[in-house]
C-alpha atoms as a PDB file:
ATOM      1  CA  UNK A   1       0.007   0.171   0.058  1.00  0.00           C
ATOM      2  CA  UNK A   2       1.535   3.296  -0.677  1.00  0.00           C
ATOM      3  CA  UNK A   3       1.000   5.258   2.206  1.00  0.00           C
ATOM      4  CA  UNK A   4       1.034   8.651   0.090  1.00  0.00           C
ATOM      5  CA  UNK A   5      -2.296   7.785  -1.522  1.00  0.00           C
ATOM      6  CA  UNK A   6      -3.646   5.988   1.354  1.00  0.00           C
ATOM      7  CA  UNK A   7      -2.357   7.847   4.363  1.00  0.00           C
ATOM      8  CA  UNK A   8      -5.777   7.080   6.465  1.00  0.00           C
ATOM      9  CA  UNK A   9      -5.258   3.478   5.740  1.00  0.00           C
ATOM     10  CA  UNK A  10      -1.593   3.376   6.867  1.00  0.00           C
ATOM     11  CA  UNK A  11      -2.474   5.645  10.082  1.00  0.00           C
ATOM     12  CA  UNK A  12      -5.211   2.952  10.793  1.00  0.00           C
ATOM     13  CA  UNK A  13      -3.080   0.194   9.702  1.00  0.00           C
ATOM     14  CA  UNK A  14      -5.531  -1.679   7.564  1.00  0.00           C
ATOM     15  CA  UNK A  15      -7.997  -1.120   5.264  1.00  0.00           C
ATOM     16  CA  UNK A  16     -10.760  -2.995   7.555  1.00  0.00           C
ATOM     17  CA  UNK A  17      -9.415  -0.824  10.682  1.00  0.00           C
ATOM     18  CA  UNK A  18      -9.705   2.270   8.596  1.00  0.00           C
ATOM     19  CA  UNK A  19     -13.359   1.225   7.435  1.00  0.00           C
ATOM     20  CA  UNK A  20     -14.414   0.806  10.918  1.00  0.00           C
ATOM     21  CA  UNK A  21     -13.058   4.124  12.233  1.00  0.00           C
ATOM     22  CA  UNK A  22     -14.652   6.204   9.540  1.00  0.00           C
ATOM     23  CA  UNK A  23     -18.031   4.467   9.786  1.00  0.00           C
ATOM     24  CA  UNK A  24     -17.967   5.210  13.814  1.00  0.00           C
ATOM     25  CA  UNK A  25     -16.942   9.062  12.973  1.00  0.00           C
ATOM     26  CA  UNK A  26     -20.299   8.908  10.510  1.00  0.00           C
ATOM     27  CA  UNK A  27     -22.291   7.052  12.949  1.00  0.00           C
ATOM     28  CA  UNK A  28     -22.881   4.396  10.953  1.00  0.00           C
ATOM     29  CA  UNK A  29     -22.555   0.586  12.194  1.00  0.00           C
ATOM     30  CA  UNK A  30     -20.773  -2.227  10.140  1.00  0.00           C
ATOM     31  CA  UNK A  31     -18.407  -4.769  10.728  1.00  0.00           C
ATOM     32  CA  UNK A  32     -15.556  -5.047   8.553  1.00  0.00           C
ATOM     33  CA  UNK A  33     -13.669  -8.292   8.140  1.00  0.00           C
ATOM     34  CA  UNK A  34     -10.298  -9.264   6.211  1.00  0.00           C
ATOM     35  CA  UNK A  35     -10.271  -9.398   2.491  1.00  0.00           C
ATOM     36  CA  UNK A  36      -9.051 -11.775  -0.133  1.00  0.00           C
ATOM     37  CA  UNK A  37      -5.591 -10.029  -0.797  1.00  0.00           C
ATOM     38  CA  UNK A  38      -4.312  -9.060   2.293  1.00  0.00           C
ATOM     39  CA  UNK A  39      -4.996  -6.528   5.143  1.00  0.00           C
ATOM     40  CA  UNK A  40      -3.153  -3.564   3.212  1.00  0.00           C
ATOM     41  CA  UNK A  41      -5.155  -3.545  -0.137  1.00  0.00           C
ATOM     42  CA  UNK A  42      -8.448  -5.514   0.494  1.00  0.00           C
ATOM     43  CA  UNK A  43     -11.209  -5.870   3.117  1.00  0.00           C
ATOM     44  CA  UNK A  44     -14.865  -6.839   3.440  1.00  0.00           C
ATOM     45  CA  UNK A  45     -17.820  -5.357   4.971  1.00  0.00           C
ATOM     46  CA  UNK A  46     -19.934  -8.022   6.483  1.00  0.00           C
ATOM     47  CA  UNK A  47     -23.845  -8.389   5.123  1.00  0.00           C
ATOM     48  CA  UNK A  48     -26.505  -7.821   7.448  1.00  0.00           C
ATOM     49  CA  UNK A  49     -28.704  -9.999   5.191  1.00  0.00           C
ATOM     50  CA  UNK A  50     -27.923 -14.014   5.399  1.00  0.00           C
ATOM     51  CA  UNK A  51     -28.066 -14.700   1.760  1.00  0.00           C
ATOM     52  CA  UNK A  52     -25.692 -11.936   0.518  1.00  0.00           C
ATOM     53  CA  UNK A  53     -21.931 -12.272   0.681  1.00  0.00           C
ATOM     54  CA  UNK A  54     -19.864  -9.566   2.356  1.00  0.00           C
ATOM     55  CA  UNK A  55     -19.115  -6.354   0.087  1.00  0.00           C
ATOM     56  CA  UNK A  56     -15.615  -6.763  -1.211  1.00  0.00           C
ATOM     57  CA  UNK A  57     -13.512  -3.950  -1.173  1.00  0.00           C
ATOM     58  CA  UNK A  58      -9.991  -3.190  -2.594  1.00  0.00           C
ATOM     59  CA  UNK A  59      -7.587  -0.292  -3.251  1.00  0.00           C
ATOM     60  CA  UNK A  60      -5.756   0.991  -6.494  1.00  0.00           C
ATOM     61  CA  UNK A  61      -2.279   0.694  -6.701  1.00  0.00           C
ATOM     62  CA  UNK A  62      -1.333   3.654  -8.804  1.00  0.00           C
ATOM     63  CA  UNK A  63      -4.024   6.253  -7.835  1.00  0.00           C
ATOM     64  CA  UNK A  64      -6.557   6.406  -5.134  1.00  0.00           C
ATOM     65  CA  UNK A  65      -9.516   4.720  -5.434  1.00  0.00           C
ATOM     66  CA  UNK A  66     -11.664   1.734  -3.844  1.00  0.00           C
ATOM     67  CA  UNK A  67     -12.966  -0.910  -5.667  1.00  0.00           C
ATOM     68  CA  UNK A  68     -16.214  -2.439  -4.253  1.00  0.00           C
ATOM     69  CA  UNK A  69     -18.108  -5.702  -5.406  1.00  0.00           C
ATOM     70  CA  UNK A  70     -21.131  -7.528  -3.870  1.00  0.00           C
ATOM     71  CA  UNK A  71     -22.699 -10.745  -4.686  1.00  0.00           C
ATOM     72  CA  UNK A  72     -25.619 -12.802  -3.941  1.00  0.00           C
ATOM     73  CA  UNK A  73     -26.692 -16.298  -5.317  1.00  0.00           C
ATOM     74  CA  UNK A  74     -23.882 -15.925  -8.213  1.00  0.00           C
ATOM     75  CA  UNK A  75     -25.318 -12.572  -8.944  1.00  0.00           C
ATOM     76  CA  UNK A  76     -23.304  -9.374  -8.876  1.00  0.00           C
ATOM     77  CA  UNK A  77     -25.479  -6.961  -7.121  1.00  0.00           C
ATOM     78  CA  UNK A  78     -23.093  -4.197  -7.015  1.00  0.00           C
ATOM     79  CA  UNK A  79     -19.965  -2.920  -8.541  1.00  0.00           C
ATOM     80  CA  UNK A  80     -18.258   0.305  -8.751  1.00  0.00           C
ATOM     81  CA  UNK A  81     -15.406   2.457  -7.746  1.00  0.00           C
ATOM     82  CA  UNK A  82     -14.724   5.833  -5.733  1.00  0.00           C
ATOM     83  CA  UNK A  83     -12.028   8.037  -4.511  1.00  0.00           C
ATOM     84  CA  UNK A  84     -13.999   8.460  -1.101  1.00  0.00           C
ATOM     85  CA  UNK A  85     -13.850   5.875   1.530  1.00  0.00           C
ATOM     86  CA  UNK A  86     -16.677   7.599   2.913  1.00  0.00           C
ATOM     87  CA  UNK A  87     -18.973   6.329  -0.067  1.00  0.00           C
ATOM     88  CA  UNK A  88     -17.654   2.764   0.593  1.00  0.00           C
ATOM     89  CA  UNK A  89     -18.866   3.055   4.079  1.00  0.00           C
ATOM     90  CA  UNK A  90     -22.495   4.343   3.092  1.00  0.00           C
ATOM     91  CA  UNK A  91     -22.741   1.824   0.360  1.00  0.00           C
ATOM     92  CA  UNK A  92     -21.478  -1.191   2.716  1.00  0.00           C
ATOM     93  CA  UNK A  93     -23.944   0.291   5.304  1.00  0.00           C
ATOM     94  CA  UNK A  94     -26.674   0.256   2.968  1.00  0.00           C
END
């Protein structure tokens, strides 16, 4: 992880920790879980709906962006990218 692009993630220690810290600041309840690609570059946001998988979150390597993807029963329900981590928190809470 490039700490120049992601000083907030570097300060928090991981993407999952940064997601939970920002959620608390925004007054949003979410549970971040480890991602598939390592704690510095990926995380998940646990779903409150049993049939949905966690919302997968990963970071860009060359510019600041967060990619998200959410699945249920083999169907991708959400996909996208943003440079604003707060957008990811809001999507994960929704």
